[in-house]
Amino acid sequence: MNPVNDMIDSEVKGSDVVLFMKGSPAFPQCGFSGQVVQILDYLGVPYKGINVLESMELREGIKSYSNWPTIPQLYVKGEFVGGCDIVREMFQAGELQGLLTDRGIEFERKTATA
């Protein structure tokens, strides 16, 4: 493995919920990252946001790590969940809440109101 891959692997396995995103949870720097942050914040999910804009190696490394071409990328208990569209659709269908429950992640039991 390469150092970037090792760092990504360590982050994914070191926190229950990890979001690789453009910007930070407090200041998302793209609309897609912002949408996932809004969903996680709405649910009150504790998560770690990692800014891929800080390093070109990280930005490219996360894409090869997951074999997924876009950012943001959400991981729950070491498992790749998906990007913005998948996370949004799962949230609206109640599937994201079910996944969090199944993995033992504490969050506020809210449903989509859209």
N, C-alpha and C. Protein backbone atom coordinates (compact mmCIF):
# COMPACT_ATOMS: atom_id res chain seq x y z
N MET A 1 0.84 -1.20 0.00
CA MET A 1 0.00 0.00 0.00
C MET A 1 0.88 1.25 0.00
N ASN A 2 0.28 2.33 -0.46
CA ASN A 2 1.02 3.59 -0.43
C ASN A 2 0.60 4.40 0.79
N PRO A 3 1.38 5.42 1.16
CA PRO A 3 1.09 6.19 2.38
C PRO A 3 -0.30 6.82 2.39
N VAL A 4 -0.77 7.34 1.25
CA VAL A 4 -2.10 7.95 1.20
C VAL A 4 -3.17 6.90 1.44
N ASN A 5 -3.01 5.75 0.82
CA ASN A 5 -3.97 4.66 1.00
C ASN A 5 -3.98 4.21 2.46
N ASP A 6 -2.81 4.13 3.07
CA ASP A 6 -2.72 3.74 4.49
C ASP A 6 -3.43 4.77 5.37
N MET A 7 -3.26 6.05 5.07
CA MET A 7 -3.91 7.11 5.85
C MET A 7 -5.43 7.02 5.70
N ILE A 8 -5.90 6.83 4.46
CA ILE A 8 -7.34 6.72 4.21
C ILE A 8 -7.89 5.51 4.96
N ASP A 9 -7.21 4.40 4.85
CA ASP A 9 -7.64 3.16 5.52
C ASP A 9 -7.72 3.37 7.03
N SER A 10 -6.73 4.04 7.58
CA SER A 10 -6.70 4.32 9.01
C SER A 10 -7.87 5.21 9.43
N GLU A 11 -8.18 6.24 8.63
CA GLU A 11 -9.30 7.13 8.93
C GLU A 11 -10.63 6.39 8.85
N VAL A 12 -10.80 5.61 7.78
CA VAL A 12 -12.05 4.88 7.56
C VAL A 12 -12.31 3.89 8.69
N LYS A 13 -11.24 3.24 9.15
CA LYS A 13 -11.40 2.23 10.19
C LYS A 13 -11.31 2.80 11.60
N GLY A 14 -10.83 4.05 11.71
CA GLY A 14 -10.61 4.65 13.02
C GLY A 14 -11.80 5.42 13.58
N SER A 15 -12.77 5.74 12.74
CA SER A 15 -13.97 6.47 13.17
C SER A 15 -15.20 5.74 12.66
N ASP A 16 -16.27 5.80 13.44
CA ASP A 16 -17.49 5.09 13.03
C ASP A 16 -18.08 5.66 11.75
N VAL A 17 -18.08 7.00 11.64
CA VAL A 17 -18.65 7.64 10.45
C VAL A 17 -17.63 8.67 9.95
N VAL A 18 -17.23 8.51 8.69
CA VAL A 18 -16.24 9.40 8.09
C VAL A 18 -16.78 9.92 6.77
N LEU A 19 -16.66 11.23 6.57
CA LEU A 19 -17.07 11.84 5.31
C LEU A 19 -15.86 12.49 4.66
N PHE A 20 -15.45 11.95 3.52
CA PHE A 20 -14.42 12.60 2.71
C PHE A 20 -15.15 13.60 1.84
N MET A 21 -14.79 14.88 1.99
CA MET A 21 -15.57 15.95 1.38
C MET A 21 -14.68 17.08 0.90
N LYS A 22 -15.29 17.98 0.14
CA LYS A 22 -14.59 19.20 -0.27
C LYS A 22 -14.95 20.26 0.76
N GLY A 23 -13.95 20.72 1.50
CA GLY A 23 -14.17 21.67 2.58
C GLY A 23 -14.30 20.95 3.90
N SER A 24 -14.89 21.63 4.88
CA SER A 24 -15.05 21.06 6.22
C SER A 24 -16.54 21.03 6.56
N PRO A 25 -16.93 20.27 7.59
CA PRO A 25 -18.34 20.26 7.98
C PRO A 25 -18.86 21.67 8.28
N ALA A 26 -18.02 22.52 8.85
CA ALA A 26 -18.44 23.88 9.17
C ALA A 26 -18.50 24.77 7.92
N PHE A 27 -17.72 24.42 6.90
CA PHE A 27 -17.65 25.25 5.69
C PHE A 27 -17.46 24.36 4.46
N PRO A 28 -18.53 23.67 4.05
CA PRO A 28 -18.42 22.84 2.83
C PRO A 28 -18.10 23.71 1.63
N GLN A 29 -17.27 23.18 0.72
CA GLN A 29 -16.85 23.97 -0.42
C GLN A 29 -17.43 23.47 -1.74
N CYS A 30 -18.43 22.60 -1.66
CA CYS A 30 -19.20 22.26 -2.85
C CYS A 30 -20.60 21.87 -2.40
N GLY A 31 -21.55 22.03 -3.29
CA GLY A 31 -22.94 21.78 -2.96
C GLY A 31 -23.21 20.34 -2.55
N PHE A 32 -22.53 19.40 -3.21
CA PHE A 32 -22.76 17.99 -2.91
C PHE A 32 -22.27 17.64 -1.51
N SER A 33 -21.07 18.13 -1.17
CA SER A 33 -20.55 17.91 0.19
C SER A 33 -21.49 18.57 1.20
N GLY A 34 -21.99 19.76 0.86
CA GLY A 34 -22.90 20.48 1.74
C GLY A 34 -24.19 19.72 2.01
N GLN A 35 -24.71 19.04 0.98
CA GLN A 35 -25.94 18.28 1.15
C GLN A 35 -25.74 17.12 2.12
N VAL A 36 -24.62 16.41 1.99
CA VAL A 36 -24.36 15.28 2.88
C VAL A 36 -24.15 15.77 4.31
N VAL A 37 -23.44 16.89 4.47
CA VAL A 37 -23.26 17.50 5.79
C VAL A 37 -24.62 17.84 6.40
N GLN A 38 -25.50 18.43 5.60
CA GLN A 38 -26.84 18.80 6.10
C GLN A 38 -27.60 17.57 6.58
N ILE A 39 -27.53 16.48 5.85
CA ILE A 39 -28.23 15.25 6.23
C ILE A 39 -27.66 14.71 7.54
N LEU A 40 -26.32 14.61 7.62
CA LEU A 40 -25.69 14.07 8.83
C LEU A 40 -25.97 14.97 10.03
N ASP A 41 -25.89 16.29 9.82
CA ASP A 41 -26.16 17.23 10.92
C ASP A 41 -27.62 17.17 11.34
N TYR A 42 -28.51 17.05 10.38
CA TYR A 42 -29.95 16.95 10.67
C TYR A 42 -30.23 15.72 11.54
N LEU A 43 -29.55 14.63 11.23
CA LEU A 43 -29.73 13.39 11.99
C LEU A 43 -28.94 13.40 13.30
N GLY A 44 -28.06 14.39 13.46
CA GLY A 44 -27.25 14.45 14.66
C GLY A 44 -26.22 13.33 14.74
N VAL A 45 -25.75 12.88 13.59
CA VAL A 45 -24.76 11.81 13.54
C VAL A 45 -23.38 12.37 13.84
N PRO A 46 -22.69 11.80 14.84
CA PRO A 46 -21.30 12.23 15.04
C PRO A 46 -20.43 11.66 13.91
N TYR A 47 -19.69 12.53 13.25
CA TYR A 47 -18.86 12.06 12.13
C TYR A 47 -17.61 12.90 12.03
N LYS A 48 -16.65 12.35 11.31
CA LYS A 48 -15.40 13.06 11.06
C LYS A 48 -15.39 13.48 9.60
N GLY A 49 -15.22 14.79 9.37
CA GLY A 49 -15.11 15.31 8.01
C GLY A 49 -13.64 15.46 7.65
N ILE A 50 -13.29 14.98 6.47
CA ILE A 50 -11.91 15.08 6.00
C ILE A 50 -11.90 15.86 4.69
N ASN A 51 -11.18 16.96 4.67
CA ASN A 51 -11.13 17.86 3.52
C ASN A 51 -10.15 17.34 2.47
N VAL A 52 -10.69 16.87 1.34
CA VAL A 52 -9.82 16.35 0.28
C VAL A 52 -9.14 17.47 -0.51
N LEU A 53 -9.57 18.71 -0.30
CA LEU A 53 -8.95 19.82 -1.03
C LEU A 53 -7.57 20.17 -0.47
N GLU A 54 -7.25 19.63 0.71
CA GLU A 54 -5.95 19.93 1.32
C GLU A 54 -4.81 19.20 0.63
N SER A 55 -5.12 18.17 -0.17
CA SER A 55 -4.06 17.39 -0.78
C SER A 55 -4.55 16.73 -2.07
N MET A 56 -3.83 16.97 -3.16
CA MET A 56 -4.17 16.33 -4.43
C MET A 56 -4.04 14.82 -4.32
N GLU A 57 -3.04 14.35 -3.55
CA GLU A 57 -2.86 12.91 -3.37
C GLU A 57 -4.07 12.30 -2.66
N LEU A 58 -4.57 13.01 -1.66
CA LEU A 58 -5.75 12.52 -0.93
C LEU A 58 -6.97 12.53 -1.84
N ARG A 59 -7.14 13.61 -2.61
CA ARG A 59 -8.31 13.72 -3.49
C ARG A 59 -8.34 12.59 -4.51
N GLU A 60 -7.18 12.27 -5.08
CA GLU A 60 -7.12 11.17 -6.05
C GLU A 60 -7.11 9.81 -5.33
N GLY A 61 -6.46 9.77 -4.17
CA GLY A 61 -6.34 8.52 -3.42
C GLY A 61 -7.67 7.97 -2.96
N ILE A 62 -8.58 8.85 -2.53
CA ILE A 62 -9.88 8.38 -2.03
C ILE A 62 -10.70 7.79 -3.18
N LYS A 63 -10.52 8.33 -4.38
CA LYS A 63 -11.25 7.80 -5.54
C LYS A 63 -10.79 6.39 -5.88
N SER A 64 -9.49 6.14 -5.78
CA SER A 64 -9.01 4.79 -6.08
C SER A 64 -9.28 3.84 -4.91
N TYR A 65 -9.25 4.37 -3.68
CA TYR A 65 -9.51 3.55 -2.50
C TYR A 65 -10.91 2.93 -2.58
N SER A 66 -11.88 3.73 -2.97
CA SER A 66 -13.27 3.28 -3.00
C SER A 66 -13.69 2.77 -4.37
N ASN A 67 -12.86 3.05 -5.38
CA ASN A 67 -13.24 2.77 -6.76
C ASN A 67 -14.53 3.54 -7.11
N TRP A 68 -14.61 4.77 -6.61
CA TRP A 68 -15.77 5.64 -6.82
C TRP A 68 -15.24 6.97 -7.32
N PRO A 69 -15.77 7.50 -8.43
CA PRO A 69 -15.13 8.65 -9.09
C PRO A 69 -15.40 10.02 -8.48
N THR A 70 -16.37 10.13 -7.58
CA THR A 70 -16.75 11.46 -7.12
C THR A 70 -16.59 11.63 -5.62
N ILE A 71 -16.61 12.89 -5.21
CA ILE A 71 -16.53 13.28 -3.80
C ILE A 71 -17.75 14.16 -3.57
N PRO A 72 -18.46 14.03 -2.47
CA PRO A 72 -18.10 13.39 -1.21
C PRO A 72 -18.28 11.87 -1.23
N GLN A 73 -17.66 11.25 -0.22
CA GLN A 73 -17.80 9.81 -0.01
C GLN A 73 -18.03 9.57 1.47
N LEU A 74 -19.08 8.82 1.78
CA LEU A 74 -19.44 8.53 3.16
C LEU A 74 -19.11 7.09 3.50
N TYR A 75 -18.46 6.92 4.65
CA TYR A 75 -18.13 5.58 5.18
C TYR A 75 -18.76 5.41 6.55
N VAL A 76 -19.36 4.26 6.77
CA VAL A 76 -19.94 3.93 8.08
C VAL A 76 -19.34 2.61 8.53
N LYS A 77 -18.68 2.63 9.70
CA LYS A 77 -18.03 1.45 10.27
C LYS A 77 -17.13 0.76 9.24
N GLY A 78 -16.35 1.56 8.53
CA GLY A 78 -15.38 1.03 7.58
C GLY A 78 -15.94 0.64 6.23
N GLU A 79 -17.25 0.80 6.04
CA GLU A 79 -17.89 0.39 4.79
C GLU A 79 -18.27 1.61 3.97
N PHE A 80 -17.93 1.58 2.68
CA PHE A 80 -18.30 2.68 1.78
C PHE A 80 -19.80 2.66 1.56
N VAL A 81 -20.46 3.78 1.83
CA VAL A 81 -21.91 3.88 1.66
C VAL A 81 -22.24 4.46 0.29
N GLY A 82 -21.61 5.59 -0.05
CA GLY A 82 -21.87 6.20 -1.35
C GLY A 82 -21.57 7.67 -1.35
N GLY A 83 -21.95 8.30 -2.45
CA GLY A 83 -21.77 9.73 -2.62
C GLY A 83 -23.06 10.47 -2.31
N CYS A 84 -23.13 11.71 -2.75
CA CYS A 84 -24.24 12.59 -2.40
C CYS A 84 -25.61 12.02 -2.82
N ASP A 85 -25.76 11.62 -4.07
CA ASP A 85 -27.06 11.15 -4.55
C ASP A 85 -27.51 9.91 -3.79
N ILE A 86 -26.60 8.97 -3.60
CA ILE A 86 -26.95 7.73 -2.88
C ILE A 86 -27.33 8.04 -1.44
N VAL A 87 -26.53 8.86 -0.76
CA VAL A 87 -26.81 9.21 0.63
C VAL A 87 -28.15 9.92 0.73
N ARG A 88 -28.42 10.86 -0.19
CA ARG A 88 -29.69 11.60 -0.16
C ARG A 88 -30.88 10.65 -0.39
N GLU A 89 -30.75 9.77 -1.38
CA GLU A 89 -31.84 8.82 -1.66
C GLU A 89 -32.05 7.87 -0.49
N MET A 90 -30.95 7.39 0.10
CA MET A 90 -31.08 6.50 1.26
C MET A 90 -31.75 7.21 2.43
N PHE A 91 -31.37 8.47 2.65
CA PHE A 91 -31.96 9.26 3.73
C PHE A 91 -33.46 9.43 3.50
N GLN A 92 -33.84 9.83 2.29
CA GLN A 92 -35.25 10.08 1.99
C GLN A 92 -36.09 8.81 2.11
N ALA A 93 -35.49 7.65 1.83
CA ALA A 93 -36.20 6.37 1.90
C ALA A 93 -36.15 5.77 3.31
N GLY A 94 -35.38 6.41 4.22
CA GLY A 94 -35.22 5.88 5.56
C GLY A 94 -34.16 4.80 5.66
N GLU A 95 -33.48 4.51 4.54
CA GLU A 95 -32.47 3.44 4.52
C GLU A 95 -31.19 3.85 5.25
N LEU A 96 -30.83 5.13 5.17
CA LEU A 96 -29.62 5.60 5.86
C LEU A 96 -29.81 5.45 7.37
N GLN A 97 -30.99 5.83 7.85
CA GLN A 97 -31.28 5.70 9.28
C GLN A 97 -31.22 4.22 9.69
N GLY A 98 -31.73 3.34 8.83
CA GLY A 98 -31.68 1.90 9.10
C GLY A 98 -30.25 1.38 9.16
N LEU A 99 -29.42 1.85 8.22
CA LEU A 99 -28.01 1.44 8.20
C LEU A 99 -27.31 1.88 9.48
N LEU A 100 -27.56 3.13 9.89
CA LEU A 100 -26.93 3.64 11.11
C LEU A 100 -27.38 2.82 12.32
N THR A 101 -28.66 2.51 12.38
CA THR A 101 -29.19 1.69 13.48
C THR A 101 -28.54 0.31 13.49
N ASP A 102 -28.48 -0.31 12.30
CA ASP A 102 -27.88 -1.65 12.19
C ASP A 102 -26.43 -1.67 12.63
N ARG A 103 -25.72 -0.55 12.39
CA ARG A 103 -24.29 -0.48 12.73
C ARG A 103 -24.06 0.03 14.15
N GLY A 104 -25.15 0.33 14.87
CA GLY A 104 -25.02 0.78 16.25
C GLY A 104 -24.56 2.22 16.39
N ILE A 105 -24.85 3.05 15.39
CA ILE A 105 -24.47 4.46 15.43
C ILE A 105 -25.62 5.25 16.05
N GLU A 106 -25.33 6.02 17.09
CA GLU A 106 -26.34 6.85 17.74
C GLU A 106 -26.66 8.06 16.87
N PHE A 107 -27.95 8.37 16.74
CA PHE A 107 -28.38 9.56 16.02
C PHE A 107 -29.80 9.89 16.44
N GLU A 108 -30.26 11.06 16.04
CA GLU A 108 -31.63 11.48 16.34
C GLU A 108 -32.56 10.81 15.34
N ARG A 109 -33.60 10.17 15.83
CA ARG A 109 -34.52 9.44 14.96
C ARG A 109 -35.45 10.41 14.24
N LYS A 110 -34.94 10.93 13.14
CA LYS A 110 -35.73 11.86 12.32
C LYS A 110 -35.91 11.24 10.95
N THR A 111 -36.97 11.63 10.29
CA THR A 111 -37.21 11.19 8.92
C THR A 111 -37.15 12.39 7.99
N ALA A 112 -37.02 12.11 6.72
CA ALA A 112 -36.97 13.18 5.74
C ALA A 112 -38.31 13.88 5.68
N THR A 113 -38.29 15.20 5.58
CA THR A 113 -39.52 15.98 5.46
C THR A 113 -39.45 16.79 4.19
N ALA A 114 -39.48 16.08 3.07
CA ALA A 114 -39.37 16.78 1.79
C ALA A 114 -40.40 16.23 0.81
